[in-house]
C-alpha atoms as a PDB file:
ATOM      1  CA  MET A   1    -205.864  56.532  63.827  1.00  0.00           C
ATOM      2  CA  ALA A   2    -203.588  56.971  60.742  1.00  0.00           C
ATOM      3  CA  ILE A   3    -200.303  54.918  60.421  1.00  0.00           C
ATOM      4  CA  ASP A   4    -197.214  57.001  60.460  1.00  0.00           C
ATOM      5  CA  LEU A   5    -195.702  55.370  57.231  1.00  0.00           C
ATOM      6  CA  ASN A   6    -192.363  56.900  57.483  1.00  0.00           C
ATOM      7  CA  ALA A   7    -191.897  55.914  61.203  1.00  0.00           C
ATOM      8  CA  LEU A   8    -193.390  52.211  60.040  1.00  0.00           C
ATOM      9  CA  ARG A   9    -191.051  51.950  57.119  1.00  0.00           C
ATOM     10  CA  ALA A  10    -187.896  53.013  59.417  1.00  0.00           C
ATOM     11  CA  GLN A  11    -188.646  50.311  62.015  1.00  0.00           C
ATOM     12  CA  TYR A  12    -189.169  47.876  59.310  1.00  0.00           C
ATOM     13  CA  GLU A  13    -185.766  48.376  57.743  1.00  0.00           C
ATOM     14  CA  THR A  14    -184.193  48.240  61.189  1.00  0.00           C
ATOM     15  CA  LEU A  15    -185.691  44.924  61.721  1.00  0.00           C
ATOM     16  CA  VAL A  16    -184.756  43.588  58.376  1.00  0.00           C
ATOM     17  CA  SER A  17    -181.317  44.715  58.104  1.00  0.00           C
ATOM     18  CA  LYS A  18    -180.310  42.746  61.285  1.00  0.00           C
ATOM     19  CA  ASP A  19    -179.643  39.657  59.339  1.00  0.00           C
ATOM     20  CA  GLY A  20    -180.632  39.817  55.866  1.00  0.00           C
ATOM     21  CA  ASP A  21    -181.872  36.811  54.273  1.00  0.00           C
ATOM     22  CA  SER A  22    -180.843  34.049  56.640  1.00  0.00           C
ATOM     23  CA  ASP A  23    -180.171  33.487  60.373  1.00  0.00           C
ATOM     24  CA  SER A  24    -176.599  33.850  61.795  1.00  0.00           C
ATOM     25  CA  ASN A  25    -176.893  30.087  62.883  1.00  0.00           C
ATOM     26  CA  SER A  26    -177.729  28.762  59.144  1.00  0.00           C
ATOM     27  CA  THR A  27    -175.137  30.920  57.358  1.00  0.00           C
ATOM     28  CA  LYS A  28    -172.378  29.036  59.347  1.00  0.00           C
ATOM     29  CA  LEU A  29    -173.563  25.934  58.310  1.00  0.00           C
ATOM     30  CA  PRO A  30    -172.540  24.055  54.768  1.00  0.00           C
ATOM     31  CA  TYR A  31    -174.952  23.411  52.464  1.00  0.00           C
ATOM     32  CA  ILE A  32    -174.968  21.062  49.187  1.00  0.00           C
ATOM     33  CA  THR A  33    -174.933  23.156  46.256  1.00  0.00           C
ATOM     34  CA  LEU A  34    -176.141  21.295  43.012  1.00  0.00           C
ATOM     35  CA  LYS A  35    -174.689  21.607  39.772  1.00  0.00           C
ATOM     36  CA  GLU A  36    -176.333  21.134  36.521  1.00  0.00           C
ATOM     37  CA  GLY A  37    -176.284  17.334  35.575  1.00  0.00           C
ATOM     38  CA  ASN A  38    -175.795  14.559  38.278  1.00  0.00           C
ATOM     39  CA  ASN A  39    -175.015  15.178  41.875  1.00  0.00           C
ATOM     40  CA  ILE A  40    -174.507  12.131  43.962  1.00  0.00           C
ATOM     41  CA  VAL A  41    -175.440  12.444  47.669  1.00  0.00           C
ATOM     42  CA  ARG A  42    -176.033  10.244  50.570  1.00  0.00           C
ATOM     43  CA  ILE A  43    -178.727  11.039  52.765  1.00  0.00           C
ATOM     44  CA  LEU A  44    -177.906  10.361  56.494  1.00  0.00           C
ATOM     45  CA  PRO A  45    -180.200   9.089  59.355  1.00  0.00           C
ATOM     46  CA  GLY A  46    -180.780  11.007  62.310  1.00  0.00           C
ATOM     47  CA  LYS A  47    -178.725  10.486  65.493  1.00  0.00           C
ATOM     48  CA  GLY A  48    -180.243   8.076  68.088  1.00  0.00           C
ATOM     49  CA  GLU A  49    -183.621   9.120  68.655  1.00  0.00           C
ATOM     50  CA  ASP A  50    -183.373  12.202  66.310  1.00  0.00           C
ATOM     51  CA  ASP A  51    -185.361  12.657  63.346  1.00  0.00           C
ATOM     52  CA  PHE A  52    -183.563  12.403  60.127  1.00  0.00           C
ATOM     53  CA  VAL A  53    -185.278  15.397  58.452  1.00  0.00           C
ATOM     54  CA  ALA A  54    -186.395  18.877  59.756  1.00  0.00           C
ATOM     55  CA  GLU A  55    -189.501  20.432  58.427  1.00  0.00           C
ATOM     56  CA  THR A  56    -190.454  24.065  57.835  1.00  0.00           C
ATOM     57  CA  ALA A  57    -192.027  26.479  55.768  1.00  0.00           C
ATOM     58  CA  ILE A  58    -190.354  29.634  54.472  1.00  0.00           C
ATOM     59  CA  HIS A  59    -192.006  33.215  53.758  1.00  0.00           C
ATOM     60  CA  ARG A  60    -190.079  35.320  51.082  1.00  0.00           C
ATOM     61  CA  VAL A  61    -190.507  38.750  52.566  1.00  0.00           C
ATOM     62  CA  PRO A  62    -189.509  41.897  50.355  1.00  0.00           C
ATOM     63  CA  GLN A  63    -187.001  44.408  51.299  1.00  0.00           C
ATOM     64  CA  ASP A  64    -187.249  47.769  50.387  1.00  0.00           C
ATOM     65  CA  GLY A  65    -184.129  48.898  48.382  1.00  0.00           C
ATOM     66  CA  GLN A  66    -182.990  45.222  48.139  1.00  0.00           C
ATOM     67  CA  THR A  67    -182.890  43.104  45.357  1.00  0.00           C
ATOM     68  CA  TYR A  68    -183.294  39.609  47.665  1.00  0.00           C
ATOM     69  CA  ASP A  69    -185.819  38.875  49.761  1.00  0.00           C
ATOM     70  CA  ARG A  70    -185.691  37.740  53.734  1.00  0.00           C
ATOM     71  CA  SER A  71    -186.461  34.188  54.542  1.00  0.00           C
ATOM     72  CA  VAL A  72    -189.051  34.208  57.490  1.00  0.00           C
ATOM     73  CA  HIS A  73    -189.963  30.793  59.050  1.00  0.00           C
ATOM     74  CA  CYS A  74    -193.703  30.574  59.133  1.00  0.00           C
ATOM     75  CA  LEU A  75    -194.949  30.576  62.801  1.00  0.00           C
ATOM     76  CA  LYS A  76    -197.660  27.819  61.980  1.00  0.00           C
ATOM     77  CA  THR A  77    -194.533  25.521  61.888  1.00  0.00           C
ATOM     78  CA  HIS A  78    -194.491  25.802  65.808  1.00  0.00           C
ATOM     79  CA  GLY A  79    -198.520  25.721  66.152  1.00  0.00           C
ATOM     80  CA  GLU A  80    -198.712  29.475  66.199  1.00  0.00           C
ATOM     81  CA  ASP A  81    -200.641  32.085  64.461  1.00  0.00           C
ATOM     82  CA  CYS A  82    -198.842  33.764  61.471  1.00  0.00           C
ATOM     83  CA  PRO A  83    -199.552  37.201  60.509  1.00  0.00           C
ATOM     84  CA  LEU A  84    -197.814  36.598  57.196  1.00  0.00           C
ATOM     85  CA  CYS A  85    -200.049  33.787  56.821  1.00  0.00           C
ATOM     86  CA  GLY A  86    -202.725  36.206  57.690  1.00  0.00           C
ATOM     87  CA  LEU A  87    -201.745  38.956  55.267  1.00  0.00           C
ATOM     88  CA  TYR A  88    -201.606  36.344  52.631  1.00  0.00           C
ATOM     89  CA  TYR A  89    -205.271  35.197  53.101  1.00  0.00           C
ATOM     90  CA  ALA A  90    -206.167  38.867  53.503  1.00  0.00           C
ATOM     91  CA  LEU A  91    -204.810  39.705  50.133  1.00  0.00           C
ATOM     92  CA  TRP A  92    -206.747  36.917  48.422  1.00  0.00           C
ATOM     93  CA  ASP A  93    -209.923  37.728  50.310  1.00  0.00           C
ATOM     94  CA  GLY A  94    -209.486  41.010  48.609  1.00  0.00           C
ATOM     95  CA  VAL A  95    -209.001  39.899  45.182  1.00  0.00           C
ATOM     96  CA  ASN A  96    -211.711  37.433  45.622  1.00  0.00           C
ATOM     97  CA  ASN A  97    -214.538  39.827  46.935  1.00  0.00           C
ATOM     98  CA  GLY A  98    -213.552  42.639  44.853  1.00  0.00           C
ATOM     99  CA  THR A  99    -212.327  44.939  47.501  1.00  0.00           C
ATOM    100  CA  THR A 100    -208.898  44.960  46.369  1.00  0.00           C
ATOM    101  CA  LEU A 101    -207.311  48.623  45.138  1.00  0.00           C
ATOM    102  CA  ASP A 102    -204.901  46.851  42.755  1.00  0.00           C
ATOM    103  CA  GLU A 103    -205.765  43.418  41.998  1.00  0.00           C
ATOM    104  CA  ALA A 104    -202.532  42.509  39.916  1.00  0.00           C
ATOM    105  CA  ALA A 105    -200.432  43.823  42.879  1.00  0.00           C
ATOM    106  CA  ASP A 106    -202.338  42.147  45.512  1.00  0.00           C
ATOM    107  CA  LYS A 107    -201.902  38.700  43.445  1.00  0.00           C
ATOM    108  CA  LYS A 108    -198.204  39.206  43.234  1.00  0.00           C
ATOM    109  CA  LEU A 109    -197.533  40.302  46.674  1.00  0.00           C
ATOM    110  CA  ALA A 110    -199.729  37.152  47.929  1.00  0.00           C
ATOM    111  CA  ASN A 111    -197.774  34.545  45.940  1.00  0.00           C
ATOM    112  CA  LYS A 112    -194.397  36.176  46.881  1.00  0.00           C
ATOM    113  CA  ILE A 113    -194.932  35.924  50.629  1.00  0.00           C
ATOM    114  CA  ARG A 114    -196.944  32.465  50.522  1.00  0.00           C
ATOM    115  CA  ALA A 115    -195.205  29.996  52.813  1.00  0.00           C
ATOM    116  CA  ARG A 116    -193.362  27.276  50.812  1.00  0.00           C
ATOM    117  CA  SER A 117    -192.499  23.807  52.466  1.00  0.00           C
ATOM    118  CA  ARG A 118    -188.907  23.419  53.172  1.00  0.00           C
ATOM    119  CA  TYR A 119    -186.912  20.440  54.346  1.00  0.00           C
ATOM    120  CA  TYR A 120    -183.475  19.963  55.792  1.00  0.00           C
ATOM    121  CA  PHE A 121    -181.276  16.563  55.688  1.00  0.00           C
ATOM    122  CA  ASN A 122    -178.122  15.799  56.797  1.00  0.00           C
ATOM    123  CA  ALA A 123    -176.140  14.288  53.633  1.00  0.00           C
ATOM    124  CA  LEU A 124    -172.733  13.606  52.695  1.00  0.00           C
ATOM    125  CA  ASP A 125    -171.536  15.638  49.654  1.00  0.00           C
ATOM    126  CA  ARG A 126    -169.625  12.975  47.124  1.00  0.00           C
ATOM    127  CA  ALA A 127    -168.429  15.589  44.990  1.00  0.00           C
ATOM    128  CA  ASP A 128    -166.900  17.609  48.050  1.00  0.00           C
ATOM    129  CA  GLU A 129    -164.861  14.878  49.986  1.00  0.00           C
ATOM    130  CA  ASP A 130    -167.748  13.237  51.531  1.00  0.00           C
ATOM    131  CA  LYS A 131    -168.296  16.148  54.087  1.00  0.00           C
ATOM    132  CA  VAL A 132    -171.290  16.324  55.819  1.00  0.00           C
ATOM    133  CA  LYS A 133    -173.511  19.115  54.941  1.00  0.00           C
ATOM    134  CA  VAL A 134    -176.989  20.435  55.094  1.00  0.00           C
ATOM    135  CA  PHE A 135    -179.184  19.101  51.973  1.00  0.00           C
ATOM    136  CA  SER A 136    -182.232  21.649  51.576  1.00  0.00           C
ATOM    137  CA  VAL A 137    -184.745  20.632  49.393  1.00  0.00           C
ATOM    138  CA  GLY A 138    -188.570  21.764  48.239  1.00  0.00           C
ATOM    139  CA  VAL A 139    -191.652  19.678  48.477  1.00  0.00           C
ATOM    140  CA  LYS A 140    -191.348  17.787  45.590  1.00  0.00           C
ATOM    141  CA  MET A 141    -187.909  16.445  45.879  1.00  0.00           C
ATOM    142  CA  TYR A 142    -188.792  15.648  49.470  1.00  0.00           C
ATOM    143  CA  ARG A 143    -191.858  13.513  48.082  1.00  0.00           C
ATOM    144  CA  THR A 144    -189.264  12.004  45.745  1.00  0.00           C
ATOM    145  CA  ILE A 145    -186.944  11.162  48.254  1.00  0.00           C
ATOM    146  CA  VAL A 146    -189.421   9.767  51.137  1.00  0.00           C
ATOM    147  CA  GLY A 147    -191.138   7.942  48.282  1.00  0.00           C
ATOM    148  CA  SER A 148    -187.555   6.130  47.594  1.00  0.00           C
ATOM    149  CA  ILE A 149    -187.059   5.371  51.307  1.00  0.00           C
ATOM    150  CA  LEU A 150    -190.598   3.558  51.311  1.00  0.00           C
ATOM    151  CA  ASP A 151    -190.110   1.817  48.217  1.00  0.00           C
ATOM    152  CA  ASP A 152    -189.973  -1.986  48.638  1.00  0.00           C
ATOM    153  CA  ASP A 153    -187.094  -2.237  46.223  1.00  0.00           C
ATOM    154  CA  TYR A 154    -184.954  -0.251  48.625  1.00  0.00           C
ATOM    155  CA  ILE A 155    -186.056  -1.847  51.902  1.00  0.00           C
ATOM    156  CA  THR A 156    -183.669  -5.066  52.846  1.00  0.00           C
ATOM    157  CA  GLU A 157    -185.203  -8.185  54.696  1.00  0.00           C
ATOM    158  CA  ASP A 158    -184.119  -6.517  57.853  1.00  0.00           C
ATOM    159  CA  GLU A 159    -186.352  -3.493  57.462  1.00  0.00           C
ATOM    160  CA  GLU A 160    -183.024  -1.074  56.806  1.00  0.00           C
ATOM    161  CA  THR A 161    -183.732   1.919  54.224  1.00  0.00           C
ATOM    162  CA  LEU A 162    -181.645   3.391  51.747  1.00  0.00           C
ATOM    163  CA  ILE A 163    -180.453   6.079  54.546  1.00  0.00           C
ATOM    164  CA  ASP A 164    -179.028   3.178  56.519  1.00  0.00           C
ATOM    165  CA  VAL A 165    -175.310   3.816  56.971  1.00  0.00           C
ATOM    166  CA  ASN A 166    -174.045   0.500  56.559  1.00  0.00           C
ATOM    167  CA  ASN A 167    -176.332  -1.132  53.802  1.00  0.00           C
ATOM    168  CA  GLY A 168    -177.900   2.039  52.048  1.00  0.00           C
ATOM    169  CA  HIS A 169    -177.844   3.676  48.788  1.00  0.00           C
ATOM    170  CA  ASP A 170    -176.181   6.834  47.375  1.00  0.00           C
ATOM    171  CA  TYR A 171    -179.153   9.141  45.870  1.00  0.00           C
ATOM    172  CA  LYS A 172    -178.559  10.705  42.335  1.00  0.00           C
ATOM    173  CA  ILE A 173    -180.113  14.105  41.869  1.00  0.00           C
ATOM    174  CA  GLN A 174    -180.054  15.217  38.142  1.00  0.00           C
ATOM    175  CA  LYS A 175    -180.611  18.680  37.540  1.00  0.00           C
ATOM    176  CA  VAL A 176    -181.911  20.262  34.336  1.00  0.00           C
ATOM    177  CA  MET A 177    -182.394  23.883  33.852  1.00  0.00           C
ATOM    178  CA  GLU A 178    -185.804  24.584  32.062  1.00  0.00           C
ATOM    179  CA  ASP A 179    -186.909  28.580  31.544  1.00  0.00           C
ATOM    180  CA  GLY A 180    -184.412  29.411  34.110  1.00  0.00           C
ATOM    181  CA  TRP A 181    -185.793  27.132  37.027  1.00  0.00           C
ATOM    182  CA  PRO A 182    -184.271  23.683  37.841  1.00  0.00           C
ATOM    183  CA  LYS A 183    -186.125  20.435  37.555  1.00  0.00           C
ATOM    184  CA  TYR A 184    -185.082  16.928  39.012  1.00  0.00           C
ATOM    185  CA  GLU A 185    -187.059  14.475  37.121  1.00  0.00           C
ATOM    186  CA  GLY A 186    -184.414  11.833  36.945  1.00  0.00           C
ATOM    187  CA  SER A 187    -183.530  11.703  40.696  1.00  0.00           C
ATOM    188  CA  MET A 188    -183.258   8.425  42.134  1.00  0.00           C
ATOM    189  CA  PRO A 189    -181.250   6.189  44.412  1.00  0.00           C
ATOM    190  CA  ARG A 190    -178.220   4.440  42.802  1.00  0.00           C
ATOM    191  CA  PRO A 191    -178.917   0.695  42.516  1.00  0.00           C
ATOM    192  CA  ALA A 192    -176.150  -0.798  44.534  1.00  0.00           C
ATOM    193  CA  ILE A 193    -176.205  -1.183  48.365  1.00  0.00           C
ATOM    194  CA  THR A 194    -173.007   0.260  49.781  1.00  0.00           C
ATOM    195  CA  PRO A 195    -171.834   1.726  53.346  1.00  0.00           C
ATOM    196  CA  ALA A 196    -171.900   5.550  53.907  1.00  0.00           C
ATOM    197  CA  ALA A 197    -167.938   5.271  54.275  1.00  0.00           C
ATOM    198  CA  GLY A 198    -165.167   2.546  54.211  1.00  0.00           C
ATOM    199  CA  SER A 199    -164.906   1.616  57.846  1.00  0.00           C
ATOM    200  CA  LYS A 200    -166.830   1.525  60.995  1.00  0.00           C
ATOM    201  CA  LYS A 201    -164.672   4.299  62.266  1.00  0.00           C
ATOM    202  CA  ALA A 202    -165.352   6.658  59.310  1.00  0.00           C
ATOM    203  CA  ILE A 203    -169.037   5.913  59.562  1.00  0.00           C
ATOM    204  CA  ALA A 204    -168.917   7.012  63.545  1.00  0.00           C
ATOM    205  CA  GLU A 205    -167.139   9.996  62.743  1.00  0.00           C
ATOM    206  CA  ILE A 206    -169.964  10.936  59.945  1.00  0.00           C
ATOM    207  CA  MET A 207    -172.561  10.282  62.770  1.00  0.00           C
ATOM    208  CA  ASP A 208    -170.380  12.328  65.398  1.00  0.00           C
ATOM    209  CA  SER A 209    -170.577  15.076  62.815  1.00  0.00           C
ATOM    210  CA  LEU A 210    -174.162  15.655  62.049  1.00  0.00           C
ATOM    211  CA  HIS A 211    -175.567  19.044  62.038  1.00  0.00           C
ATOM    212  CA  ASP A 212    -178.500  20.259  64.196  1.00  0.00           C
ATOM    213  CA  ILE A 213    -180.898  20.514  61.447  1.00  0.00           C
ATOM    214  CA  GLN A 214    -183.805  20.843  63.756  1.00  0.00           C
ATOM    215  CA  ALA A 215    -182.342  24.247  64.912  1.00  0.00           C
ATOM    216  CA  LEU A 216    -182.622  25.625  61.427  1.00  0.00           C
ATOM    217  CA  VAL A 217    -186.187  25.542  61.810  1.00  0.00           C
ATOM    218  CA  ARG A 218    -186.030  29.162  63.503  1.00  0.00           C
ATOM    219  CA  HIS A 219    -188.662  30.026  65.999  1.00  0.00           C
ATOM    220  CA  GLU A 220    -189.458  33.728  64.748  1.00  0.00           C
ATOM    221  CA  ASP A 221    -190.808  36.498  67.278  1.00  0.00           C
ATOM    222  CA  TYR A 222    -194.379  36.931  66.898  1.00  0.00           C
ATOM    223  CA  ALA A 223    -194.060  40.986  67.563  1.00  0.00           C
ATOM    224  CA  GLU A 224    -191.228  40.955  64.489  1.00  0.00           C
ATOM    225  CA  VAL A 225    -193.126  38.844  62.182  1.00  0.00           C
ATOM    226  CA  LYS A 226    -196.420  41.110  62.974  1.00  0.00           C
ATOM    227  CA  LEU A 227    -194.449  44.132  61.919  1.00  0.00           C
ATOM    228  CA  MET A 228    -193.330  42.770  58.866  1.00  0.00           C
ATOM    229  CA  ALA A 229    -196.930  41.836  57.769  1.00  0.00           C
ATOM    230  CA  GLU A 230    -198.041  45.597  58.653  1.00  0.00           C
ATOM    231  CA  SER A 231    -195.145  46.810  56.898  1.00  0.00           C
ATOM    232  CA  ILE A 232    -195.606  45.320  53.738  1.00  0.00           C
ATOM    233  CA  ALA A 233    -199.023  45.535  53.576  1.00  0.00           C
ATOM    234  CA  VAL A 234    -198.437  49.302  53.271  1.00  0.00           C
ATOM    235  CA  THR A 235    -195.218  49.476  51.695  1.00  0.00           C
ATOM    236  CA  GLY A 236    -194.224  46.002  50.040  1.00  0.00           C
ATOM    237  CA  ARG A 237    -196.147  46.337  46.906  1.00  0.00           C
ATOM    238  CA  VAL A 238    -193.730  48.360  45.040  1.00  0.00           C
ATOM    239  CA  ALA A 239    -190.754  46.315  46.356  1.00  0.00           C
ATOM    240  CA  ALA A 240    -192.636  42.852  45.267  1.00  0.00           C
ATOM    241  CA  MET A 241    -192.756  44.373  41.607  1.00  0.00           C
ATOM    242  CA  SER A 242    -190.097  41.921  40.500  1.00  0.00           C
ATOM    243  CA  LYS A 243    -190.194  39.507  37.740  1.00  0.00           C
ATOM    244  CA  SER A 244    -193.452  37.328  38.007  1.00  0.00           C
ATOM    245  CA  THR A 245    -193.510  33.784  39.444  1.00  0.00           C
ATOM    246  CA  THR A 246    -196.993  33.556  39.156  1.00  0.00           C
ATOM    247  CA  THR A 247    -199.480  32.674  35.959  1.00  0.00           C
ATOM    248  CA  GLU A 248    -203.161  33.839  36.109  1.00  0.00           C
ATOM    249  CA  GLY A 249    -202.921  34.679  39.745  1.00  0.00           C
ATOM    250  CA  LYS A 250    -202.255  31.305  41.056  1.00  0.00           C
ATOM    251  CA  PRO A 251    -198.996  30.171  42.893  1.00  0.00           C
ATOM    252  CA  SER A 252    -196.394  29.192  40.451  1.00  0.00           C
ATOM    253  CA  GLU A 253    -195.804  25.327  40.723  1.00  0.00           C
ATOM    254  CA  LYS A 254    -192.299  26.268  39.518  1.00  0.00           C
ATOM    255  CA  VAL A 255    -191.643  27.965  42.657  1.00  0.00           C
ATOM    256  CA  GLU A 256    -193.243  25.544  44.832  1.00  0.00           C
ATOM    257  CA  GLU A 257    -192.361  22.405  42.921  1.00  0.00           C
ATOM    258  CA  ALA A 258    -189.088  22.948  40.996  1.00  0.00           C
ATOM    259  CA  GLU A 259    -186.980  24.360  43.891  1.00  0.00           C
ATOM    260  CA  VAL A 260    -184.342  22.312  45.644  1.00  0.00           C
ATOM    261  CA  SER A 261    -181.658  24.457  46.905  1.00  0.00           C
ATOM    262  CA  ASN A 262    -181.578  27.705  48.704  1.00  0.00           C
ATOM    263  CA  GLU A 263    -179.053  28.896  46.263  1.00  0.00           C
ATOM    264  CA  ASP A 264    -181.147  27.917  43.116  1.00  0.00           C
ATOM    265  CA  TYR A 265    -184.167  29.992  44.545  1.00  0.00           C
ATOM    266  CA  LEU A 266    -182.347  32.946  45.794  1.00  0.00           C
ATOM    267  CA  ALA A 267    -180.329  33.166  42.426  1.00  0.00           C
ATOM    268  CA  LYS A 268    -183.389  33.333  40.419  1.00  0.00           C
ATOM    269  CA  MET A 269    -185.036  35.905  42.623  1.00  0.00           C
ATOM    270  CA  LYS A 270    -181.974  38.293  42.312  1.00  0.00           C
ATOM    271  CA  LYS A 271    -182.082  38.228  38.309  1.00  0.00           C
END
């Protein structure tokens, strides 16, 4: 049975127009926006038994007629099958076994929709009155931060780590732009052990102001994600023909490793 492309496209556009690039919950939360140079943040622990970090993976789904992509959380994060991951592997299968009709387009589309790891922390923005904000980072920055947390140089005799609100460390994020992409190689904890705030009352207020970062890991509707995958499989190649972020058909390390903030990534994709 032939696919009614016009009907499928209309249904898809109705779907993606509901909330654009992000969901209504996340747009209400304040995010840390990094400037070039040094940025000082204080990564905060979770409240009670809550984890201090939320982990997800994001697909960037092209939208017809739009210069930006929609962010779709990978269903594998919730232990479910993900149609967008299925499309990603199907595209590469076609490239690898020679059945693709357009190798360059399929490589570009596959690399565009590939799920990329994303991590959310609660953190104090030292540049903005020490407000509690969501700090969204990619996999490389996450590894750097967790590596510092596990570093013996930042663990006290009482096994308190750098995210401890009483005897922890601020974190210096050094942002350098290179070829239009941010790099963060100089990022590290500040050496001094300091409290997160100047009094126990202020620290308690900070902990009461933590955002529900786990709620940012949106559980997408399987039927909607399946529709997206089916739609871009037949219409997405044209929409995906923006500036390439790949080299020789392999996923770009700059996209996978260099990104830290949602603002950085989306600003690049809108160019």
